Amino acid sequence: MEIPNENTPNDQQVTQQFNQQFNTSDPTNNLGGGTPLPNATAVLVLGIVSIATCWCYGIIGLTCGIIALVLSNKSLAIYKTNPSTFTVSSYKNLNAGRICAIVGTILSGLHLIYIVAAIAVLGITFGSVLGGALLGS
């Protein structure tokens, strides 16, 4: 049987000291206290996917980027109603995902415009060459 010592802290004192040291009672702290923003991780993943797939004719990246922007706008509106209930890390993930989605949407849109312009130029070029060959013979 262990003899209690006055210098040994009990569980409540240890917990209180931990909370003071790491400030876990603050809900905006990354270590706890708050709930994560809804769809923050999904927005981050879709934003990264929109950048990674912007070269796939622009369609996949554009779709993922638009979905990520819509989700981030909804989550941002929820965050603005009561920011103290959500963790800072989820808010930072939401912002990072939103930035990735904007970049991915712009790159995908530019690539899609390039693909459409290239097909139009090639269509006009081959159409005039083939049309001239058919008329000339």
C-alpha atoms as a PDB file:
ATOM      1  CA  MET A   1       0.000   0.000   0.000  1.00  0.00           C
ATOM      2  CA  GLU A   2       1.355   3.397  -0.982  1.00  0.00           C
ATOM      3  CA  ILE A   3       1.578   6.114   1.641  1.00  0.00           C
ATOM      4  CA  PRO A   4       0.157   9.448   0.431  1.00  0.00           C
ATOM      5  CA  ASN A   5       2.685  12.231   0.257  1.00  0.00           C
ATOM      6  CA  GLU A   6       1.763  15.894   0.657  1.00  0.00           C
ATOM      7  CA  ASN A   7       4.079  16.870  -2.194  1.00  0.00           C
ATOM      8  CA  THR A   8       2.489  14.483  -4.703  1.00  0.00           C
ATOM      9  CA  PRO A   9      -0.205  16.268  -6.743  1.00  0.00           C
ATOM     10  CA  ASN A  10      -3.570  14.588  -7.142  1.00  0.00           C
ATOM     11  CA  ASP A  11      -5.319  14.081 -10.474  1.00  0.00           C
ATOM     12  CA  GLN A  12      -7.295  17.304 -10.247  1.00  0.00           C
ATOM     13  CA  GLN A  13      -4.161  19.361  -9.700  1.00  0.00           C
ATOM     14  CA  VAL A  14      -2.407  17.678 -12.617  1.00  0.00           C
ATOM     15  CA  THR A  15      -5.367  18.328 -14.904  1.00  0.00           C
ATOM     16  CA  GLN A  16      -5.585  21.957 -13.802  1.00  0.00           C
ATOM     17  CA  GLN A  17      -1.857  22.456 -14.372  1.00  0.00           C
ATOM     18  CA  PHE A  18      -2.106  20.867 -17.838  1.00  0.00           C
ATOM     19  CA  ASN A  19      -5.043  23.120 -18.759  1.00  0.00           C
ATOM     20  CA  GLN A  20      -3.163  26.199 -17.615  1.00  0.00           C
ATOM     21  CA  GLN A  21       0.009  25.218 -19.425  1.00  0.00           C
ATOM     22  CA  PHE A  22      -1.616  24.323 -22.740  1.00  0.00           C
ATOM     23  CA  ASN A  23      -4.657  26.590 -22.435  1.00  0.00           C
ATOM     24  CA  THR A  24      -7.080  23.827 -23.421  1.00  0.00           C
ATOM     25  CA  SER A  25     -10.028  25.638 -21.871  1.00  0.00           C
ATOM     26  CA  ASP A  26      -9.878  28.172 -24.722  1.00  0.00           C
ATOM     27  CA  PRO A  27     -12.190  26.881 -27.474  1.00  0.00           C
ATOM     28  CA  THR A  28     -10.181  28.648 -30.188  1.00  0.00           C
ATOM     29  CA  ASN A  29      -7.038  26.740 -29.233  1.00  0.00           C
ATOM     30  CA  ASN A  30      -5.822  24.035 -31.600  1.00  0.00           C
ATOM     31  CA  LEU A  31      -5.434  21.552 -28.770  1.00  0.00           C
ATOM     32  CA  GLY A  32      -9.112  21.258 -27.960  1.00  0.00           C
ATOM     33  CA  GLY A  33     -12.195  22.802 -26.536  1.00  0.00           C
ATOM     34  CA  GLY A  34     -13.969  23.545 -29.808  1.00  0.00           C
ATOM     35  CA  THR A  35     -15.584  21.587 -32.554  1.00  0.00           C
ATOM     36  CA  PRO A  36     -14.155  21.428 -36.056  1.00  0.00           C
ATOM     37  CA  LEU A  37     -15.873  23.332 -38.831  1.00  0.00           C
ATOM     38  CA  PRO A  38     -18.131  21.181 -40.978  1.00  0.00           C
ATOM     39  CA  ASN A  39     -16.610  20.266 -44.353  1.00  0.00           C
ATOM     40  CA  ALA A  40     -13.240  21.917 -43.584  1.00  0.00           C
ATOM     41  CA  THR A  41     -11.313  18.761 -44.461  1.00  0.00           C
ATOM     42  CA  ALA A  42     -13.488  18.096 -47.509  1.00  0.00           C
ATOM     43  CA  VAL A  43     -12.843  21.624 -48.784  1.00  0.00           C
ATOM     44  CA  LEU A  44      -9.098  21.162 -48.319  1.00  0.00           C
ATOM     45  CA  VAL A  45      -9.101  17.805 -50.135  1.00  0.00           C
ATOM     46  CA  LEU A  46     -11.263  19.089 -53.002  1.00  0.00           C
ATOM     47  CA  GLY A  47      -9.085  22.200 -53.327  1.00  0.00           C
ATOM     48  CA  ILE A  48      -5.938  20.109 -53.605  1.00  0.00           C
ATOM     49  CA  VAL A  49      -7.621  17.736 -56.069  1.00  0.00           C
ATOM     50  CA  SER A  50      -8.735  20.704 -58.194  1.00  0.00           C
ATOM     51  CA  ILE A  51      -5.135  21.868 -58.507  1.00  0.00           C
ATOM     52  CA  ALA A  52      -3.805  18.371 -59.155  1.00  0.00           C
ATOM     53  CA  THR A  53      -6.383  17.601 -61.855  1.00  0.00           C
ATOM     54  CA  CYS A  54      -6.566  20.974 -63.572  1.00  0.00           C
ATOM     55  CA  TRP A  55      -4.601  19.516 -66.494  1.00  0.00           C
ATOM     56  CA  CYS A  56      -7.245  16.833 -67.184  1.00  0.00           C
ATOM     57  CA  TYR A  57      -8.932  18.970 -69.856  1.00  0.00           C
ATOM     58  CA  GLY A  58      -9.954  21.334 -67.065  1.00  0.00           C
ATOM     59  CA  ILE A  59     -13.275  19.626 -66.379  1.00  0.00           C
ATOM     60  CA  ILE A  60     -12.371  17.567 -63.288  1.00  0.00           C
ATOM     61  CA  GLY A  61     -10.448  20.401 -61.653  1.00  0.00           C
ATOM     62  CA  LEU A  62     -13.199  22.906 -62.426  1.00  0.00           C
ATOM     63  CA  THR A  63     -15.842  20.635 -60.921  1.00  0.00           C
ATOM     64  CA  CYS A  64     -13.846  19.931 -57.747  1.00  0.00           C
ATOM     65  CA  GLY A  65     -12.939  23.605 -57.372  1.00  0.00           C
ATOM     66  CA  ILE A  66     -16.523  24.807 -57.685  1.00  0.00           C
ATOM     67  CA  ILE A  67     -17.777  22.208 -55.200  1.00  0.00           C
ATOM     68  CA  ALA A  68     -15.018  23.208 -52.757  1.00  0.00           C
ATOM     69  CA  LEU A  69     -15.923  26.897 -53.087  1.00  0.00           C
ATOM     70  CA  VAL A  70     -19.606  26.236 -52.434  1.00  0.00           C
ATOM     71  CA  LEU A  71     -18.826  24.113 -49.376  1.00  0.00           C
ATOM     72  CA  SER A  72     -16.357  26.677 -48.062  1.00  0.00           C
ATOM     73  CA  ASN A  73     -18.875  29.504 -48.407  1.00  0.00           C
ATOM     74  CA  LYS A  74     -21.403  27.515 -46.362  1.00  0.00           C
ATOM     75  CA  SER A  75     -18.848  26.662 -43.676  1.00  0.00           C
ATOM     76  CA  LEU A  76     -17.547  30.225 -43.577  1.00  0.00           C
ATOM     77  CA  ALA A  77     -21.077  31.517 -42.999  1.00  0.00           C
ATOM     78  CA  ILE A  78     -21.469  29.054 -40.117  1.00  0.00           C
ATOM     79  CA  TYR A  79     -18.110  30.140 -38.683  1.00  0.00           C
ATOM     80  CA  LYS A  80     -19.010  33.843 -38.819  1.00  0.00           C
ATOM     81  CA  THR A  81     -22.145  33.279 -36.732  1.00  0.00           C
ATOM     82  CA  ASN A  82     -20.145  32.012 -33.728  1.00  0.00           C
ATOM     83  CA  PRO A  83     -16.374  31.761 -34.243  1.00  0.00           C
ATOM     84  CA  SER A  84     -15.566  30.872 -30.636  1.00  0.00           C
ATOM     85  CA  THR A  85     -17.171  27.423 -30.911  1.00  0.00           C
ATOM     86  CA  PHE A  86     -14.855  26.190 -33.674  1.00  0.00           C
ATOM     87  CA  THR A  87     -11.183  25.275 -33.607  1.00  0.00           C
ATOM     88  CA  VAL A  88      -8.589  27.483 -35.208  1.00  0.00           C
ATOM     89  CA  SER A  89      -7.033  24.540 -37.034  1.00  0.00           C
ATOM     90  CA  SER A  90     -10.283  23.735 -38.833  1.00  0.00           C
ATOM     91  CA  TYR A  91     -10.660  27.401 -39.790  1.00  0.00           C
ATOM     92  CA  LYS A  92      -7.108  27.400 -41.175  1.00  0.00           C
ATOM     93  CA  ASN A  93      -7.870  24.193 -43.127  1.00  0.00           C
ATOM     94  CA  LEU A  94     -10.976  25.861 -44.528  1.00  0.00           C
ATOM     95  CA  ASN A  95      -9.001  28.918 -45.647  1.00  0.00           C
ATOM     96  CA  ALA A  96      -6.239  26.796 -47.170  1.00  0.00           C
ATOM     97  CA  GLY A  97      -8.803  24.691 -49.016  1.00  0.00           C
ATOM     98  CA  ARG A  98     -10.591  27.791 -50.235  1.00  0.00           C
ATOM     99  CA  ILE A  99      -7.341  29.248 -51.595  1.00  0.00           C
ATOM    100  CA  CYS A 100      -6.485  25.935 -53.277  1.00  0.00           C
ATOM    101  CA  ALA A 101      -9.983  25.803 -54.769  1.00  0.00           C
ATOM    102  CA  ILE A 102      -9.661  29.321 -56.170  1.00  0.00           C
ATOM    103  CA  VAL A 103      -6.256  28.554 -57.690  1.00  0.00           C
ATOM    104  CA  GLY A 104      -7.466  25.203 -59.063  1.00  0.00           C
ATOM    105  CA  THR A 105     -10.620  26.755 -60.533  1.00  0.00           C
ATOM    106  CA  ILE A 106      -8.638  29.499 -62.262  1.00  0.00           C
ATOM    107  CA  LEU A 107      -6.048  27.067 -63.648  1.00  0.00           C
ATOM    108  CA  SER A 108      -8.750  24.636 -64.773  1.00  0.00           C
ATOM    109  CA  GLY A 109     -10.734  27.412 -66.411  1.00  0.00           C
ATOM    110  CA  LEU A 110      -7.672  28.683 -68.274  1.00  0.00           C
ATOM    111  CA  HIS A 111      -6.782  25.170 -69.400  1.00  0.00           C
ATOM    112  CA  LEU A 112     -10.347  24.534 -70.558  1.00  0.00           C
ATOM    113  CA  ILE A 113     -10.330  27.787 -72.551  1.00  0.00           C
ATOM    114  CA  TYR A 114      -7.011  26.744 -74.109  1.00  0.00           C
ATOM    115  CA  ILE A 115      -8.386  23.315 -75.081  1.00  0.00           C
ATOM    116  CA  VAL A 116     -11.533  24.824 -76.624  1.00  0.00           C
ATOM    117  CA  ALA A 117      -9.479  27.409 -78.544  1.00  0.00           C
ATOM    118  CA  ALA A 118      -7.050  24.744 -79.779  1.00  0.00           C
ATOM    119  CA  ILE A 119      -9.902  22.532 -80.998  1.00  0.00           C
ATOM    120  CA  ALA A 120     -11.527  25.519 -82.710  1.00  0.00           C
ATOM    121  CA  VAL A 121      -8.294  26.520 -84.466  1.00  0.00           C
ATOM    122  CA  LEU A 122      -7.602  22.952 -85.540  1.00  0.00           C
ATOM    123  CA  GLY A 123     -11.183  22.553 -86.713  1.00  0.00           C
ATOM    124  CA  ILE A 124     -11.034  25.715 -88.795  1.00  0.00           C
ATOM    125  CA  THR A 125      -7.614  24.794 -90.196  1.00  0.00           C
ATOM    126  CA  PHE A 126      -8.491  21.220 -91.157  1.00  0.00           C
ATOM    127  CA  GLY A 127     -11.945  22.261 -92.312  1.00  0.00           C
ATOM    128  CA  SER A 128     -10.495  24.788 -94.749  1.00  0.00           C
ATOM    129  CA  VAL A 129      -7.811  22.353 -95.939  1.00  0.00           C
ATOM    130  CA  LEU A 130     -10.260  19.500 -96.441  1.00  0.00           C
ATOM    131  CA  GLY A 131     -12.924  21.790 -97.866  1.00  0.00           C
ATOM    132  CA  GLY A 132     -10.438  23.228-100.372  1.00  0.00           C
ATOM    133  CA  ALA A 133      -9.212  19.752-101.330  1.00  0.00           C
ATOM    134  CA  LEU A 134     -12.744  18.531-101.882  1.00  0.00           C
ATOM    135  CA  LEU A 135     -13.704  21.563-103.942  1.00  0.00           C
ATOM    136  CA  GLY A 136     -10.495  21.519-105.965  1.00  0.00           C
ATOM    137  CA  SER A 137     -10.827  17.917-107.141  1.00  0.00           C
END
